[in-house]
């Protein structure tokens, strides 16, 4: 049902936790399904130096949260802003239609965090 990439990020999440003294901290709740995602990040010289996540939710939500941190860590703010949801879904090996909400939550939270910088 889930791709090997989804299962890998769920079973071995990357960048879990919170950044100490973050430059941005955003939490978004999805009231429709109950998923929650919090991203904290630190920026240096317009580059995402560190990004971490805390999430509660389904397997795809945990996996998308983990992957989005990997995809943008080390990128400039401008580069991170250009990341598209379709790229996230492709990198995670695809998602069932019923699980696409996880990619929206990850991207919406990232966009809100970048906007707060």
Protein backbone atom coordinates (compact mmCIF):
# COMPACT_ATOMS: atom_id res chain seq x y z
CA UNK A 1 0.00 0.00 0.00
CA UNK A 2 2.81 2.46 0.87
CA UNK A 3 6.03 2.90 -1.06
CA UNK A 4 9.34 1.75 0.43
CA UNK A 5 10.29 5.44 0.82
CA UNK A 6 7.16 6.17 2.90
CA UNK A 7 7.83 3.20 5.13
CA UNK A 8 11.51 4.10 5.50
CA UNK A 9 10.76 7.69 6.56
CA UNK A 10 8.03 6.47 8.92
CA UNK A 11 10.19 3.80 10.54
CA UNK A 12 13.39 5.89 10.53
CA UNK A 13 12.32 9.55 10.64
CA UNK A 14 14.97 12.16 9.92
CA UNK A 15 15.32 15.46 11.74
CA UNK A 16 12.79 14.77 14.48
CA UNK A 17 12.53 17.14 17.42
CA UNK A 18 12.79 20.90 17.71
CA UNK A 19 15.48 23.41 16.79
CA UNK A 20 16.84 25.26 19.83
CA UNK A 21 16.29 29.03 19.46
CA UNK A 22 14.64 28.75 16.02
CA UNK A 23 14.26 31.63 13.60
CA UNK A 24 10.83 30.28 12.69
CA UNK A 25 8.40 27.94 14.40
CA UNK A 26 5.03 26.99 12.92
CA UNK A 27 2.44 24.39 13.83
CA UNK A 28 -0.49 23.52 11.59
CA UNK A 29 -3.34 21.21 12.54
CA UNK A 30 -5.51 19.44 10.00
CA UNK A 31 -8.96 19.44 11.65
CA UNK A 32 -10.37 17.04 9.05
CA UNK A 33 -8.09 14.15 10.05
CA UNK A 34 -6.46 15.28 13.29
CA UNK A 35 -2.88 15.35 11.95
CA UNK A 36 -0.54 17.94 13.47
CA UNK A 37 2.82 19.12 12.13
CA UNK A 38 5.26 21.53 13.74
CA UNK A 39 8.37 22.74 11.92
CA UNK A 40 11.16 24.72 13.56
CA UNK A 41 14.10 26.04 11.61
CA UNK A 42 17.25 28.08 11.92
CA UNK A 43 18.60 30.16 9.05
CA UNK A 44 22.10 31.47 8.44
CA UNK A 45 23.08 33.60 5.44
CA UNK A 46 19.66 33.01 3.85
CA UNK A 47 20.20 29.24 4.01
CA UNK A 48 18.21 26.71 6.07
CA UNK A 49 20.93 25.56 8.42
CA UNK A 50 18.73 23.28 10.54
CA UNK A 51 15.12 22.13 10.31
CA UNK A 52 13.29 19.73 12.60
CA UNK A 53 9.76 18.44 12.93
CA UNK A 54 7.29 17.17 15.49
CA UNK A 55 4.24 15.39 14.10
CA UNK A 56 1.24 13.44 15.20
CA UNK A 57 -0.71 11.63 12.57
CA UNK A 58 -0.86 8.85 10.06
CA UNK A 59 2.06 7.06 8.43
CA UNK A 60 2.16 9.36 5.36
CA UNK A 61 2.08 12.49 7.53
CA UNK A 62 5.09 11.32 9.51
CA UNK A 63 6.90 10.32 6.32
CA UNK A 64 6.18 13.58 4.47
CA UNK A 65 7.28 15.61 7.49
CA UNK A 66 10.57 13.71 7.66
CA UNK A 67 11.21 13.98 3.92
CA UNK A 68 10.38 17.68 3.63
CA UNK A 69 13.08 18.43 6.23
CA UNK A 70 15.62 16.45 4.19
CA UNK A 71 14.64 18.16 0.96
CA UNK A 72 15.12 21.71 2.23
CA UNK A 73 17.91 21.46 4.80
CA UNK A 74 20.95 23.23 3.38
CA UNK A 75 18.94 25.00 0.67
CA UNK A 76 18.55 28.74 0.45
CA UNK A 77 15.20 30.23 1.42
CA UNK A 78 14.57 30.97 -2.27
CA UNK A 79 15.32 27.36 -3.23
CA UNK A 80 13.10 26.00 -0.44
CA UNK A 81 10.29 28.30 -1.57
CA UNK A 82 10.48 26.71 -5.04
CA UNK A 83 9.87 23.16 -3.76
CA UNK A 84 6.56 21.90 -5.08
CA UNK A 85 4.19 19.40 -3.54
CA UNK A 86 4.45 17.19 -6.62
CA UNK A 87 8.22 16.93 -6.04
CA UNK A 88 7.62 15.83 -2.46
CA UNK A 89 5.08 13.22 -3.56
CA UNK A 90 7.41 11.94 -6.27
CA UNK A 91 10.37 11.76 -3.85
CA UNK A 92 8.30 9.82 -1.32
CA UNK A 93 7.45 7.25 -4.00
CA UNK A 94 3.86 8.36 -4.46
CA UNK A 95 0.92 8.43 -2.07
CA UNK A 96 -2.51 6.83 -2.22
CA UNK A 97 -5.20 9.37 -3.10
CA UNK A 98 -6.61 9.14 0.44
CA UNK A 99 -3.19 10.09 1.84
CA UNK A 100 -2.42 13.13 -0.30
CA UNK A 101 -3.48 15.35 2.62
CA UNK A 102 -0.12 14.50 4.23
CA UNK A 103 1.80 16.18 1.42
CA UNK A 104 -0.42 19.26 1.64
CA UNK A 105 0.17 19.52 5.40
CA UNK A 106 3.95 19.25 4.97
CA UNK A 107 4.07 21.87 2.23
CA UNK A 108 1.63 24.24 3.94
CA UNK A 109 3.65 24.10 7.15
CA UNK A 110 6.91 24.68 5.28
CA UNK A 111 5.42 27.66 3.43
CA UNK A 112 4.15 29.15 6.70
CA UNK A 113 7.55 28.70 8.36
CA UNK A 114 9.35 30.39 5.47
CA UNK A 115 6.82 33.21 5.50
CA UNK A 116 7.55 33.78 9.22
CA UNK A 117 11.26 34.41 8.60
